[in-house]
Amino acid sequence: MEASQAKLELILQYFSDFTDRQTDQFRMLEPLYREWNEKINVISRKDIDALYMRHVLHSLSIAAWVDLKPGLEVIDIGTGGGFPGIPLAIFFPEVEFLLVDSIGKKLKVIEAVAEAIELKNVKTRHTRAEDIRDRKFDFAVSRAVAPLADLWRWAKPLLRSERKLEEFKNGLICLKGGDLAAEISESRLRPHIMPIKDLFPEDDFADKFVLYAPM
């Protein structure tokens, strides 16, 4: 078995209903990110070998927890190299994603990856989330970009009030790690907290969580 296929099996052991197209798109991520990381460092050198665990599967913990329905619009705040936005866009091909970052060279990598795997439901914008005034979204997602209080301050004005999911109000869904007690207290929010290890029993996720702050 090829190394890339072996690493892809990590994803496939938790998700079994991908189309052939989705499986191919996930398979192509590692060689593409390896190639681009040599030009523009968007993933740490030690993490590139663990791309499927620490970036792809980590991003997909959101998909394991909430089913984003067709027609939803999602903003990825501070997307960096495209996480969690790119894996989520592959997983939910009928959901529209806007990946936002203040560093333009990172968006260049995202655009190249999206084009190479023919990912049609991703757009990028070189800006800060707090400067967006012309769009509203159903959900904001983010991964380890800023404290929860800041993420909520940026996300809340971008969220529309009308909800499209029965089981989830519109809101912020972010990936966090470590001891979150002080951060949550300072945010004055009462987010729902899902330990990722309950979704994917892997040692890498021992202290990582999905946080959901509804409108």
Protein backbone atom coordinates (compact mmCIF):
# COMPACT_ATOMS: atom_id res chain seq x y z
CA MET A 1 0.00 0.00 0.00
CA GLU A 2 1.35 3.43 -0.89
CA ALA A 3 2.20 5.71 2.03
CA SER A 4 -0.39 8.31 1.03
CA GLN A 5 -3.09 5.65 0.77
CA ALA A 6 -2.10 4.25 4.16
CA LYS A 7 -2.46 7.72 5.69
CA LEU A 8 -5.78 8.23 3.94
CA GLU A 9 -7.01 5.03 5.61
CA LEU A 10 -6.97 6.98 8.87
CA ILE A 11 -9.80 9.14 7.51
CA LEU A 12 -11.64 6.26 5.89
CA GLN A 13 -11.80 4.27 9.10
CA TYR A 14 -14.02 6.96 10.59
CA PHE A 15 -15.99 7.93 7.46
CA SER A 16 -17.23 5.25 5.10
CA ASP A 17 -19.65 6.99 2.75
CA PHE A 18 -17.40 9.18 0.62
CA THR A 19 -17.92 9.27 -3.13
CA ASP A 20 -14.99 8.27 -5.32
CA ARG A 21 -14.51 11.96 -6.08
CA GLN A 22 -14.27 12.87 -2.40
CA THR A 23 -11.84 10.03 -1.73
CA ASP A 24 -9.65 11.20 -4.61
CA GLN A 25 -9.76 14.77 -3.33
CA PHE A 26 -8.66 13.73 0.13
CA ARG A 27 -5.93 11.52 -1.35
CA MET A 28 -4.53 14.42 -3.35
CA LEU A 29 -4.14 16.70 -0.34
CA GLU A 30 -0.84 15.31 0.93
CA PRO A 31 1.20 15.56 -2.28
CA LEU A 32 -0.23 18.99 -2.99
CA TYR A 33 0.52 20.35 0.46
CA ARG A 34 4.00 18.81 0.41
CA GLU A 35 4.72 20.51 -2.90
CA TRP A 36 3.40 23.89 -1.82
CA ASN A 37 4.96 23.72 1.62
CA GLU A 38 8.38 23.69 -0.04
CA LYS A 39 7.53 27.09 -1.58
CA ILE A 40 5.35 28.68 1.09
CA ASN A 41 5.50 27.28 4.60
CA VAL A 42 1.87 26.95 5.70
CA ILE A 43 2.27 23.75 7.75
CA SER A 44 5.05 23.13 10.23
CA ARG A 45 7.74 20.75 9.00
CA LYS A 46 7.04 18.24 11.77
CA ASP A 47 3.31 18.26 11.03
CA ILE A 48 3.44 17.68 7.28
CA ASP A 49 4.07 13.95 7.85
CA ALA A 50 0.99 13.88 10.10
CA LEU A 51 -1.19 15.89 7.72
CA TYR A 52 -4.12 13.49 7.79
CA MET A 53 -4.17 13.18 11.58
CA ARG A 54 -3.34 16.68 12.77
CA HIS A 55 -4.96 18.70 10.01
CA VAL A 56 -7.47 16.73 7.95
CA LEU A 57 -9.03 14.49 10.61
CA HIS A 58 -8.80 17.28 13.17
CA SER A 59 -10.78 19.54 10.82
CA LEU A 60 -13.31 16.79 10.17
CA SER A 61 -14.18 16.58 13.87
CA ILE A 62 -16.57 19.42 13.07
CA ALA A 63 -18.20 17.29 10.38
CA ALA A 64 -18.48 14.36 12.79
CA TRP A 65 -20.34 16.57 15.22
CA VAL A 66 -22.65 18.70 13.05
CA ASP A 67 -24.21 17.83 9.69
CA LEU A 68 -24.01 20.95 7.52
CA LYS A 69 -26.92 20.88 5.09
CA PRO A 70 -26.79 21.86 1.40
CA GLY A 71 -27.19 25.57 0.86
CA LEU A 72 -25.50 26.69 4.07
CA GLU A 73 -22.81 29.38 3.94
CA VAL A 74 -19.76 29.09 6.21
CA ILE A 75 -16.84 31.43 6.85
CA ASP A 76 -13.46 30.05 7.97
CA ILE A 77 -11.84 32.80 10.06
CA GLY A 78 -8.04 32.88 9.88
CA THR A 79 -7.92 29.81 7.68
CA GLY A 80 -4.10 29.69 7.41
CA GLY A 81 -3.30 26.81 5.10
CA GLY A 82 -6.97 26.01 4.61
CA PHE A 83 -7.95 24.26 7.82
CA PRO A 84 -10.63 23.45 8.73
CA GLY A 85 -12.13 24.92 5.54
CA ILE A 86 -10.64 22.69 2.82
CA PRO A 87 -11.47 19.31 4.46
CA LEU A 88 -14.95 20.56 5.37
CA ALA A 89 -15.55 21.77 1.82
CA ILE A 90 -14.62 18.33 0.48
CA PHE A 91 -16.89 16.68 3.03
CA PHE A 92 -19.82 19.04 2.35
CA PRO A 93 -19.69 19.74 -1.42
CA GLU A 94 -23.06 21.54 -1.43
CA VAL A 95 -22.10 23.99 1.33
CA GLU A 96 -20.45 27.28 0.33
CA PHE A 97 -17.22 28.18 2.14
CA LEU A 98 -15.41 31.52 2.30
CA LEU A 99 -11.85 31.10 3.59
CA VAL A 100 -10.48 34.32 5.03
CA ASP A 101 -6.95 35.21 6.07
CA SER A 102 -4.93 38.40 6.42
CA ILE A 103 -1.83 36.74 4.90
CA GLY A 104 -2.19 36.63 1.14
CA LYS A 105 0.49 34.01 0.40
CA LYS A 106 -1.43 31.44 2.44
CA LEU A 107 -4.52 32.04 0.32
CA LYS A 108 -2.40 31.43 -2.79
CA VAL A 109 -1.76 27.89 -1.52
CA ILE A 110 -5.45 27.35 -0.77
CA GLU A 111 -6.47 28.54 -4.22
CA ALA A 112 -3.93 26.26 -5.89
CA VAL A 113 -5.04 23.24 -3.84
CA ALA A 114 -8.72 23.94 -4.49
CA GLU A 115 -8.09 24.29 -8.22
CA ALA A 116 -6.02 21.10 -8.38
CA ILE A 117 -8.70 18.98 -6.71
CA GLU A 118 -11.53 20.81 -8.54
CA LEU A 119 -13.13 22.04 -5.34
CA LYS A 120 -15.90 24.32 -6.58
CA ASN A 121 -17.48 25.41 -3.29
CA VAL A 122 -14.51 27.36 -1.89
CA LYS A 123 -13.76 31.04 -2.30
CA THR A 124 -11.03 33.02 -0.57
CA ARG A 125 -10.72 36.60 0.58
CA HIS A 126 -7.57 38.44 1.63
CA THR A 127 -8.91 40.40 4.58
CA ARG A 128 -9.63 40.26 8.27
CA ALA A 129 -12.98 38.86 9.32
CA GLU A 130 -13.84 42.05 11.22
CA ASP A 131 -13.54 44.04 7.98
CA ILE A 132 -16.21 42.04 6.12
CA ARG A 133 -19.40 44.04 5.75
CA ASP A 134 -21.08 42.68 2.63
CA ARG A 135 -22.01 39.09 3.58
CA LYS A 136 -23.72 37.03 6.23
CA PHE A 137 -23.15 33.38 7.06
CA ASP A 138 -24.90 30.54 8.84
CA PHE A 139 -21.79 29.39 10.69
CA ALA A 140 -18.26 30.59 11.36
CA VAL A 141 -15.50 28.02 11.88
CA SER A 142 -11.95 28.50 13.05
CA ARG A 143 -8.97 26.60 14.37
CA ALA A 144 -6.65 27.89 17.10
CA VAL A 145 -6.53 31.39 15.64
CA ALA A 146 -7.37 33.59 18.61
CA PRO A 147 -8.99 33.49 22.06
CA LEU A 148 -12.65 32.57 22.11
CA ALA A 149 -13.70 36.10 23.09
CA ASP A 150 -12.02 37.55 19.99
CA LEU A 151 -13.41 34.85 17.70
CA TRP A 152 -16.92 35.56 18.94
CA ARG A 153 -16.46 39.31 18.56
CA TRP A 154 -15.42 38.80 14.94
CA ALA A 155 -17.96 36.09 14.12
CA LYS A 156 -21.15 37.40 15.70
CA PRO A 157 -21.69 40.35 13.30
CA LEU A 158 -21.23 37.97 10.35
CA LEU A 159 -23.89 35.48 11.42
CA ARG A 160 -27.43 35.69 10.08
CA SER A 161 -30.23 35.23 12.56
CA GLU A 162 -32.47 32.96 10.45
CA ARG A 163 -31.52 29.36 11.09
CA LYS A 164 -31.58 26.56 8.52
CA LEU A 165 -30.78 23.62 10.80
CA GLU A 166 -33.37 22.33 13.24
CA GLU A 167 -30.86 20.89 15.68
CA PHE A 168 -28.30 23.72 15.66
CA LYS A 169 -28.70 27.47 15.87
CA ASN A 170 -26.36 29.52 13.72
CA GLY A 171 -23.11 30.15 15.54
CA LEU A 172 -19.36 29.79 15.92
CA ILE A 173 -17.73 26.35 15.80
CA CYS A 174 -14.05 26.36 16.65
CA LEU A 175 -11.29 23.87 17.37
CA LYS A 176 -9.37 24.45 20.58
CA GLY A 177 -6.84 22.64 22.73
CA GLY A 178 -5.51 22.58 26.27
CA ASP A 179 -7.03 23.97 29.46
CA LEU A 180 -9.84 26.22 28.26
CA ALA A 181 -11.33 27.25 31.61
CA ALA A 182 -9.83 30.75 31.75
CA GLU A 183 -10.44 31.42 28.06
CA ILE A 184 -14.08 30.41 28.30
CA SER A 185 -14.56 32.44 31.48
CA GLU A 186 -13.08 35.54 29.86
CA SER A 187 -15.34 35.14 26.83
CA ARG A 188 -18.49 35.21 29.01
CA LEU A 189 -19.92 32.57 26.71
CA ARG A 190 -21.28 29.18 27.64
CA PRO A 191 -20.17 27.11 24.65
CA HIS A 192 -21.02 23.47 24.12
CA ILE A 193 -17.78 21.48 24.47
CA MET A 194 -17.16 18.21 22.64
CA PRO A 195 -13.92 16.32 23.38
CA ILE A 196 -12.54 15.24 20.02
CA LYS A 197 -11.24 12.03 21.54
CA ASP A 198 -14.90 11.03 22.04
CA LEU A 199 -15.31 11.32 18.26
CA PHE A 200 -11.91 9.94 17.22
CA PRO A 201 -10.14 7.93 19.94
CA GLU A 202 -6.63 8.95 18.91
CA ASP A 203 -3.85 10.02 21.29
CA ASP A 204 -3.27 13.20 19.27
CA PHE A 205 -6.68 14.46 20.34
CA ALA A 206 -6.33 13.86 24.07
CA ASP A 207 -6.65 17.54 24.96
CA LYS A 208 -8.49 18.89 21.90
CA PHE A 209 -12.10 20.02 21.68
CA VAL A 210 -14.83 21.29 19.40
CA LEU A 211 -16.45 24.39 20.89
CA TYR A 212 -19.84 25.59 19.68
CA ALA A 213 -21.19 29.00 20.65
CA PRO A 214 -24.73 29.51 19.31
CA MET A 215 -26.33 32.84 18.50
